Amino acid sequence: MQIRPADLDDPAFAALMEEHRAAMQATAPPESQHALDLSGLRRTTVRVWTVHDGGSLIGCGALQHLAPGHAEIKAMRTARAWLRRGVARTMLDHLLAEARRSGYARVSLETGSMAYFAPARRMYAAAGFVECGPFGDYIDDPNSTYMTRAL
């Protein structure tokens, strides 16, 4: 697996983000869907990477600056055909290393509280994340689980 800065104009990336959006629509009400769209991923406060296997785009992830010393993990997605094969953990490790290199002391994330998101929550917990309250612009939401960890 190779990780590189995302080409947000790549049709394969747009397709992966559409797959992500569709999964969110199928699992959470609109007010509980917090995935960034392509315009959100283009913000100067967001850096995006993609994971590739040969010529195939198999996953992505992003870091969003929240405040001095605090970043948020966004846009974590593994292509359906690559689920449970270590893509997300590889990207998570990359994002944590990038956050450290960038001087962040804390990284937080929001994920769903439904059963669909249980594998993600287990992966984050195994990487040292613990549940916390809403952060940034989030509000308390029964459909969301908020997690954080110090770096």
N, C-alpha and C. Protein backbone atom coordinates (compact mmCIF):
# COMPACT_ATOMS: atom_id res chain seq x y z
N MET A 1 0.84 -1.18 0.00
CA MET A 1 0.00 0.00 0.00
C MET A 1 0.89 1.24 0.00
N GLN A 2 0.53 2.19 -0.84
CA GLN A 2 1.24 3.47 -0.89
C GLN A 2 0.27 4.58 -0.51
N ILE A 3 0.78 5.54 0.24
CA ILE A 3 -0.01 6.71 0.64
C ILE A 3 0.60 7.93 -0.01
N ARG A 4 -0.27 8.78 -0.57
CA ARG A 4 0.21 10.02 -1.19
C ARG A 4 -0.85 11.11 -1.04
N PRO A 5 -0.43 12.38 -1.21
CA PRO A 5 -1.43 13.45 -1.15
C PRO A 5 -2.53 13.19 -2.18
N ALA A 6 -3.75 13.48 -1.80
CA ALA A 6 -4.91 13.19 -2.66
C ALA A 6 -4.96 14.14 -3.84
N ASP A 7 -5.38 13.61 -4.96
CA ASP A 7 -5.74 14.41 -6.13
C ASP A 7 -7.25 14.54 -6.07
N LEU A 8 -7.72 15.68 -5.58
CA LEU A 8 -9.16 15.87 -5.39
C LEU A 8 -9.93 15.98 -6.71
N ASP A 9 -9.21 16.10 -7.81
CA ASP A 9 -9.86 16.14 -9.12
C ASP A 9 -9.92 14.77 -9.80
N ASP A 10 -9.35 13.77 -9.15
CA ASP A 10 -9.33 12.40 -9.70
C ASP A 10 -10.74 11.82 -9.65
N PRO A 11 -11.28 11.36 -10.77
CA PRO A 11 -12.63 10.76 -10.76
C PRO A 11 -12.74 9.57 -9.79
N ALA A 12 -11.66 8.83 -9.60
CA ALA A 12 -11.69 7.71 -8.66
C ALA A 12 -11.88 8.22 -7.23
N PHE A 13 -11.27 9.35 -6.91
CA PHE A 13 -11.45 9.94 -5.58
C PHE A 13 -12.89 10.41 -5.41
N ALA A 14 -13.43 11.07 -6.42
CA ALA A 14 -14.83 11.52 -6.36
C ALA A 14 -15.76 10.32 -6.17
N ALA A 15 -15.47 9.21 -6.84
CA ALA A 15 -16.30 8.00 -6.70
C ALA A 15 -16.21 7.44 -5.29
N LEU A 16 -15.02 7.45 -4.69
CA LEU A 16 -14.86 6.96 -3.32
C LEU A 16 -15.63 7.86 -2.35
N MET A 17 -15.60 9.16 -2.58
CA MET A 17 -16.35 10.08 -1.72
C MET A 17 -17.86 9.91 -1.90
N GLU A 18 -18.29 9.57 -3.10
CA GLU A 18 -19.72 9.29 -3.34
C GLU A 18 -20.12 8.02 -2.61
N GLU A 19 -19.26 7.01 -2.62
CA GLU A 19 -19.52 5.77 -1.86
C GLU A 19 -19.64 6.10 -0.37
N HIS A 20 -18.77 6.98 0.11
CA HIS A 20 -18.79 7.40 1.51
C HIS A 20 -20.10 8.12 1.83
N ARG A 21 -20.49 9.06 0.99
CA ARG A 21 -21.72 9.82 1.18
C ARG A 21 -22.93 8.89 1.20
N ALA A 22 -22.98 7.95 0.28
CA ALA A 22 -24.10 7.01 0.20
C ALA A 22 -24.19 6.16 1.47
N ALA A 23 -23.06 5.73 1.99
CA ALA A 23 -23.06 4.94 3.22
C ALA A 23 -23.57 5.77 4.39
N MET A 24 -23.17 7.03 4.44
CA MET A 24 -23.63 7.90 5.52
C MET A 24 -25.14 8.12 5.41
N GLN A 25 -25.64 8.33 4.21
CA GLN A 25 -27.08 8.54 4.02
C GLN A 25 -27.88 7.31 4.44
N ALA A 26 -27.30 6.13 4.24
CA ALA A 26 -28.00 4.90 4.58
C ALA A 26 -27.97 4.58 6.07
N THR A 27 -27.08 5.24 6.83
CA THR A 27 -26.92 4.86 8.23
C THR A 27 -27.24 5.95 9.24
N ALA A 28 -27.38 7.19 8.80
CA ALA A 28 -27.60 8.28 9.77
C ALA A 28 -28.56 9.31 9.20
N PRO A 29 -29.35 9.93 10.07
CA PRO A 29 -30.22 11.00 9.58
C PRO A 29 -29.38 12.19 9.09
N PRO A 30 -29.93 13.02 8.21
CA PRO A 30 -29.16 14.13 7.62
C PRO A 30 -28.45 15.02 8.63
N GLU A 31 -29.10 15.32 9.75
CA GLU A 31 -28.48 16.21 10.74
C GLU A 31 -27.30 15.56 11.46
N SER A 32 -27.12 14.25 11.28
CA SER A 32 -26.02 13.53 11.93
C SER A 32 -24.94 13.10 10.94
N GLN A 33 -24.99 13.60 9.73
CA GLN A 33 -23.98 13.28 8.72
C GLN A 33 -22.97 14.41 8.67
N HIS A 34 -21.73 14.10 9.04
CA HIS A 34 -20.71 15.13 9.18
C HIS A 34 -19.55 14.98 8.19
N ALA A 35 -19.72 14.17 7.17
CA ALA A 35 -18.65 13.99 6.18
C ALA A 35 -18.48 15.27 5.36
N LEU A 36 -17.24 15.63 5.11
CA LEU A 36 -16.97 16.78 4.25
C LEU A 36 -17.19 16.40 2.80
N ASP A 37 -17.78 17.29 2.03
CA ASP A 37 -17.88 17.08 0.59
C ASP A 37 -16.58 17.55 -0.06
N LEU A 38 -16.50 17.46 -1.38
CA LEU A 38 -15.26 17.84 -2.06
C LEU A 38 -14.88 19.29 -1.80
N SER A 39 -15.85 20.19 -1.75
CA SER A 39 -15.51 21.58 -1.48
C SER A 39 -14.95 21.72 -0.05
N GLY A 40 -15.49 20.98 0.89
CA GLY A 40 -14.97 21.01 2.25
C GLY A 40 -13.56 20.46 2.35
N LEU A 41 -13.27 19.44 1.54
CA LEU A 41 -11.94 18.86 1.53
C LEU A 41 -10.91 19.79 0.88
N ARG A 42 -11.38 20.77 0.12
CA ARG A 42 -10.48 21.72 -0.54
C ARG A 42 -10.10 22.91 0.37
N ARG A 43 -10.69 23.00 1.54
CA ARG A 43 -10.36 24.10 2.45
C ARG A 43 -8.87 24.07 2.79
N THR A 44 -8.32 25.25 3.04
CA THR A 44 -6.90 25.35 3.38
C THR A 44 -6.59 24.72 4.74
N THR A 45 -7.59 24.50 5.56
CA THR A 45 -7.40 23.90 6.88
C THR A 45 -7.46 22.37 6.84
N VAL A 46 -7.60 21.80 5.63
CA VAL A 46 -7.74 20.35 5.48
C VAL A 46 -6.63 19.82 4.57
N ARG A 47 -6.01 18.72 5.00
CA ARG A 47 -5.05 18.00 4.16
C ARG A 47 -5.56 16.58 3.97
N VAL A 48 -5.52 16.10 2.72
CA VAL A 48 -6.13 14.81 2.37
C VAL A 48 -5.07 13.91 1.73
N TRP A 49 -5.10 12.63 2.10
CA TRP A 49 -4.22 11.63 1.51
C TRP A 49 -5.06 10.46 1.00
N THR A 50 -4.50 9.73 0.06
CA THR A 50 -5.14 8.54 -0.47
C THR A 50 -4.20 7.35 -0.33
N VAL A 51 -4.81 6.17 -0.24
CA VAL A 51 -4.08 4.91 -0.16
C VAL A 51 -4.31 4.18 -1.47
N HIS A 52 -3.22 3.65 -2.03
CA HIS A 52 -3.29 2.96 -3.32
C HIS A 52 -2.65 1.59 -3.22
N ASP A 53 -3.16 0.69 -3.99
CA ASP A 53 -2.55 -0.62 -4.20
C ASP A 53 -2.35 -0.73 -5.70
N GLY A 54 -1.10 -0.63 -6.14
CA GLY A 54 -0.86 -0.57 -7.58
C GLY A 54 -1.56 0.65 -8.14
N GLY A 55 -2.39 0.46 -9.13
CA GLY A 55 -3.12 1.56 -9.73
C GLY A 55 -4.49 1.81 -9.13
N SER A 56 -4.83 1.09 -8.08
CA SER A 56 -6.17 1.20 -7.50
C SER A 56 -6.20 2.10 -6.28
N LEU A 57 -7.15 3.01 -6.24
CA LEU A 57 -7.41 3.83 -5.07
C LEU A 57 -8.24 2.98 -4.11
N ILE A 58 -7.71 2.75 -2.90
CA ILE A 58 -8.38 1.83 -1.99
C ILE A 58 -8.81 2.48 -0.68
N GLY A 59 -8.45 3.75 -0.47
CA GLY A 59 -8.87 4.41 0.75
C GLY A 59 -8.39 5.84 0.81
N CYS A 60 -8.88 6.56 1.82
CA CYS A 60 -8.47 7.95 2.00
C CYS A 60 -8.66 8.35 3.45
N GLY A 61 -8.09 9.50 3.78
CA GLY A 61 -8.24 10.08 5.10
C GLY A 61 -7.74 11.51 5.06
N ALA A 62 -8.17 12.30 6.04
CA ALA A 62 -7.79 13.71 6.06
C ALA A 62 -7.60 14.18 7.49
N LEU A 63 -6.83 15.26 7.60
CA LEU A 63 -6.68 15.98 8.86
C LEU A 63 -7.23 17.39 8.67
N GLN A 64 -8.02 17.82 9.62
CA GLN A 64 -8.56 19.18 9.59
C GLN A 64 -8.06 19.91 10.83
N HIS A 65 -7.47 21.08 10.63
CA HIS A 65 -7.03 21.92 11.74
C HIS A 65 -8.25 22.45 12.47
N LEU A 66 -8.28 22.25 13.79
CA LEU A 66 -9.38 22.78 14.61
C LEU A 66 -8.94 24.00 15.39
N ALA A 67 -7.79 23.90 16.03
CA ALA A 67 -7.28 24.96 16.89
C ALA A 67 -5.79 24.68 17.09
N PRO A 68 -5.04 25.63 17.58
CA PRO A 68 -3.63 25.34 17.85
C PRO A 68 -3.49 24.08 18.70
N GLY A 69 -2.73 23.13 18.22
CA GLY A 69 -2.51 21.89 18.94
C GLY A 69 -3.58 20.84 18.80
N HIS A 70 -4.65 21.10 18.04
CA HIS A 70 -5.78 20.16 17.95
C HIS A 70 -6.22 19.98 16.50
N ALA A 71 -6.21 18.73 16.03
CA ALA A 71 -6.66 18.40 14.68
C ALA A 71 -7.78 17.37 14.76
N GLU A 72 -8.56 17.30 13.70
CA GLU A 72 -9.63 16.30 13.59
C GLU A 72 -9.36 15.38 12.42
N ILE A 73 -9.60 14.10 12.63
CA ILE A 73 -9.53 13.13 11.53
C ILE A 73 -10.86 13.17 10.80
N LYS A 74 -10.80 13.34 9.48
CA LYS A 74 -11.98 13.42 8.62
C LYS A 74 -11.80 12.47 7.44
N ALA A 75 -12.89 12.21 6.75
CA ALA A 75 -12.89 11.53 5.45
C ALA A 75 -12.21 10.17 5.46
N MET A 76 -12.27 9.47 6.58
CA MET A 76 -11.71 8.12 6.60
C MET A 76 -12.65 7.19 5.82
N ARG A 77 -12.14 6.60 4.79
CA ARG A 77 -12.96 5.70 3.98
C ARG A 77 -12.08 4.64 3.35
N THR A 78 -12.55 3.41 3.39
CA THR A 78 -11.91 2.30 2.69
C THR A 78 -12.86 1.84 1.60
N ALA A 79 -12.33 1.63 0.40
CA ALA A 79 -13.15 1.11 -0.69
C ALA A 79 -13.76 -0.22 -0.26
N ARG A 80 -15.02 -0.41 -0.60
CA ARG A 80 -15.78 -1.58 -0.16
C ARG A 80 -15.03 -2.89 -0.37
N ALA A 81 -14.39 -3.06 -1.52
CA ALA A 81 -13.69 -4.31 -1.83
C ALA A 81 -12.46 -4.53 -0.95
N TRP A 82 -12.03 -3.51 -0.22
CA TRP A 82 -10.81 -3.60 0.59
C TRP A 82 -11.08 -3.58 2.09
N LEU A 83 -12.33 -3.65 2.49
CA LEU A 83 -12.66 -3.62 3.92
C LEU A 83 -12.01 -4.79 4.67
N ARG A 84 -11.61 -4.51 5.91
CA ARG A 84 -11.03 -5.50 6.83
C ARG A 84 -9.69 -6.05 6.33
N ARG A 85 -8.95 -5.23 5.57
CA ARG A 85 -7.64 -5.67 5.05
C ARG A 85 -6.51 -4.73 5.48
N GLY A 86 -6.77 -3.89 6.48
CA GLY A 86 -5.73 -3.05 7.03
C GLY A 86 -5.58 -1.68 6.40
N VAL A 87 -6.43 -1.34 5.45
CA VAL A 87 -6.33 -0.04 4.77
C VAL A 87 -6.58 1.10 5.75
N ALA A 88 -7.65 1.02 6.51
CA ALA A 88 -7.99 2.09 7.44
C ALA A 88 -6.92 2.25 8.52
N ARG A 89 -6.41 1.15 9.04
CA ARG A 89 -5.37 1.24 10.08
C ARG A 89 -4.09 1.85 9.49
N THR A 90 -3.76 1.50 8.26
CA THR A 90 -2.59 2.10 7.60
C THR A 90 -2.78 3.60 7.46
N MET A 91 -3.97 4.03 7.04
CA MET A 91 -4.24 5.46 6.90
C MET A 91 -4.25 6.14 8.26
N LEU A 92 -4.85 5.52 9.25
CA LEU A 92 -4.89 6.11 10.59
C LEU A 92 -3.48 6.32 11.13
N ASP A 93 -2.62 5.33 10.98
CA ASP A 93 -1.23 5.48 11.43
C ASP A 93 -0.55 6.64 10.71
N HIS A 94 -0.82 6.78 9.41
CA HIS A 94 -0.25 7.89 8.64
C HIS A 94 -0.77 9.23 9.16
N LEU A 95 -2.06 9.33 9.40
CA LEU A 95 -2.64 10.58 9.88
C LEU A 95 -2.09 10.96 11.26
N LEU A 96 -1.93 9.99 12.13
CA LEU A 96 -1.36 10.27 13.45
C LEU A 96 0.09 10.74 13.34
N ALA A 97 0.85 10.12 12.45
CA ALA A 97 2.24 10.55 12.24
C ALA A 97 2.29 11.96 11.65
N GLU A 98 1.41 12.26 10.71
CA GLU A 98 1.36 13.60 10.12
C GLU A 98 0.95 14.64 11.16
N ALA A 99 0.01 14.29 12.02
CA ALA A 99 -0.42 15.21 13.07
C ALA A 99 0.75 15.50 14.02
N ARG A 100 1.50 14.48 14.38
CA ARG A 100 2.66 14.69 15.25
C ARG A 100 3.68 15.60 14.56
N ARG A 101 3.99 15.30 13.29
CA ARG A 101 4.96 16.10 12.53
C ARG A 101 4.52 17.56 12.42
N SER A 102 3.21 17.77 12.40
CA SER A 102 2.66 19.13 12.28
C SER A 102 2.55 19.85 13.62
N GLY A 103 2.93 19.18 14.69
CA GLY A 103 2.94 19.81 16.00
C GLY A 103 1.65 19.74 16.78
N TYR A 104 0.71 18.92 16.33
CA TYR A 104 -0.53 18.78 17.09
C TYR A 104 -0.28 17.94 18.34
N ALA A 105 -0.94 18.29 19.43
CA ALA A 105 -0.83 17.56 20.68
C ALA A 105 -2.03 16.64 20.90
N ARG A 106 -3.12 16.87 20.16
CA ARG A 106 -4.35 16.11 20.31
C ARG A 106 -5.00 15.93 18.95
N VAL A 107 -5.60 14.76 18.76
CA VAL A 107 -6.37 14.46 17.56
C VAL A 107 -7.71 13.90 18.01
N SER A 108 -8.79 14.40 17.43
CA SER A 108 -10.14 13.95 17.77
C SER A 108 -10.86 13.52 16.51
N LEU A 109 -11.99 12.85 16.68
CA LEU A 109 -12.79 12.42 15.54
C LEU A 109 -14.22 12.22 15.96
N GLU A 110 -15.08 12.22 14.96
CA GLU A 110 -16.50 11.89 15.14
C GLU A 110 -16.79 10.72 14.24
N THR A 111 -17.48 9.73 14.77
CA THR A 111 -17.94 8.61 13.97
C THR A 111 -19.34 8.24 14.44
N GLY A 112 -19.99 7.38 13.73
CA GLY A 112 -21.36 7.02 14.08
C GLY A 112 -21.44 6.14 15.32
N SER A 113 -22.57 6.20 15.99
CA SER A 113 -22.79 5.37 17.18
C SER A 113 -23.54 4.07 16.84
N MET A 114 -23.98 3.95 15.58
CA MET A 114 -24.75 2.78 15.18
C MET A 114 -23.85 1.54 14.98
N ALA A 115 -24.47 0.37 14.92
CA ALA A 115 -23.72 -0.89 14.76
C ALA A 115 -22.84 -0.87 13.52
N TYR A 116 -23.27 -0.21 12.45
CA TYR A 116 -22.49 -0.13 11.21
C TYR A 116 -21.07 0.39 11.48
N PHE A 117 -20.92 1.28 12.46
CA PHE A 117 -19.64 1.93 12.74
C PHE A 117 -18.85 1.21 13.83
N ALA A 118 -19.34 0.09 14.36
CA ALA A 118 -18.64 -0.62 15.43
C ALA A 118 -17.21 -1.00 15.04
N PRO A 119 -16.95 -1.51 13.84
CA PRO A 119 -15.56 -1.83 13.49
C PRO A 119 -14.65 -0.59 13.53
N ALA A 120 -15.15 0.54 13.10
CA ALA A 120 -14.36 1.78 13.15
C ALA A 120 -14.07 2.16 14.60
N ARG A 121 -15.08 2.10 15.45
CA ARG A 121 -14.88 2.47 16.85
C ARG A 121 -13.86 1.54 17.51
N ARG A 122 -13.91 0.24 17.19
CA ARG A 122 -12.93 -0.70 17.75
C ARG A 122 -11.53 -0.36 17.26
N MET A 123 -11.38 -0.03 15.98
CA MET A 123 -10.07 0.33 15.44
C MET A 123 -9.53 1.57 16.14
N TYR A 124 -10.36 2.59 16.30
CA TYR A 124 -9.92 3.82 16.96
C TYR A 124 -9.53 3.55 18.40
N ALA A 125 -10.32 2.76 19.11
CA ALA A 125 -10.00 2.43 20.51
C ALA A 125 -8.67 1.68 20.59
N ALA A 126 -8.45 0.75 19.67
CA ALA A 126 -7.19 0.00 19.65
C ALA A 126 -6.00 0.92 19.38
N ALA A 127 -6.25 2.05 18.73
CA ALA A 127 -5.18 3.01 18.43
C ALA A 127 -5.02 4.05 19.55
N GLY A 128 -5.73 3.87 20.66
CA GLY A 128 -5.56 4.75 21.80
C GLY A 128 -6.59 5.85 21.94
N PHE A 129 -7.60 5.87 21.09
CA PHE A 129 -8.65 6.88 21.22
C PHE A 129 -9.61 6.47 22.33
N VAL A 130 -10.11 7.48 23.04
CA VAL A 130 -11.12 7.25 24.08
C VAL A 130 -12.32 8.15 23.77
N GLU A 131 -13.47 7.73 24.23
CA GLU A 131 -14.67 8.54 24.01
C GLU A 131 -14.56 9.85 24.79
N CYS A 132 -15.15 10.88 24.19
CA CYS A 132 -15.14 12.21 24.80
C CYS A 132 -16.45 12.90 24.43
N GLY A 133 -16.64 14.09 24.90
CA GLY A 133 -17.80 14.87 24.53
C GLY A 133 -17.59 15.54 23.18
N PRO A 134 -18.61 16.21 22.67
CA PRO A 134 -18.48 16.93 21.41
C PRO A 134 -17.35 17.97 21.49
N PHE A 135 -16.69 18.18 20.38
CA PHE A 135 -15.59 19.14 20.30
C PHE A 135 -15.82 20.01 19.07
N GLY A 136 -15.04 21.07 18.94
CA GLY A 136 -15.19 21.94 17.78
C GLY A 136 -16.61 22.47 17.68
N ASP A 137 -17.19 22.34 16.49
CA ASP A 137 -18.56 22.82 16.25
C ASP A 137 -19.63 21.74 16.46
N TYR A 138 -19.23 20.55 16.91
CA TYR A 138 -20.20 19.48 17.11
C TYR A 138 -21.09 19.78 18.32
N ILE A 139 -22.27 19.18 18.29
CA ILE A 139 -23.17 19.24 19.45
C ILE A 139 -23.48 17.81 19.87
N ASP A 140 -23.97 17.65 21.06
CA ASP A 140 -24.32 16.31 21.54
C ASP A 140 -25.34 15.70 20.59
N ASP A 141 -25.08 14.48 20.14
CA ASP A 141 -25.92 13.82 19.14
C ASP A 141 -25.91 12.33 19.43
N PRO A 142 -27.06 11.71 19.67
CA PRO A 142 -27.08 10.28 19.98
C PRO A 142 -26.60 9.40 18.82
N ASN A 143 -26.52 9.96 17.62
CA ASN A 143 -26.05 9.20 16.46
C ASN A 143 -24.55 9.31 16.26
N SER A 144 -23.88 10.08 17.11
CA SER A 144 -22.45 10.30 16.99
C SER A 144 -21.70 9.79 18.20
N THR A 145 -20.50 9.29 17.96
CA THR A 145 -19.55 8.97 19.01
C THR A 145 -18.34 9.87 18.77
N TYR A 146 -17.91 10.58 19.80
CA TYR A 146 -16.76 11.47 19.71
C TYR A 146 -15.61 10.80 20.44
N MET A 147 -14.43 10.85 19.84
CA MET A 147 -13.26 10.20 20.40
C MET A 147 -12.07 11.13 20.27
N THR A 148 -11.11 10.95 21.18
CA THR A 148 -9.92 11.79 21.16
C THR A 148 -8.73 11.01 21.70
N ARG A 149 -7.54 11.51 21.39
CA ARG A 149 -6.32 10.96 21.99
C ARG A 149 -5.22 12.00 21.95
N ALA A 150 -4.37 11.94 22.94
CA ALA A 150 -3.19 12.80 22.97
C ALA A 150 -2.13 12.15 22.09
N LEU A 151 -1.27 12.99 21.55
CA LEU A 151 -0.17 12.49 20.72
C LEU A 151 1.14 12.54 21.50
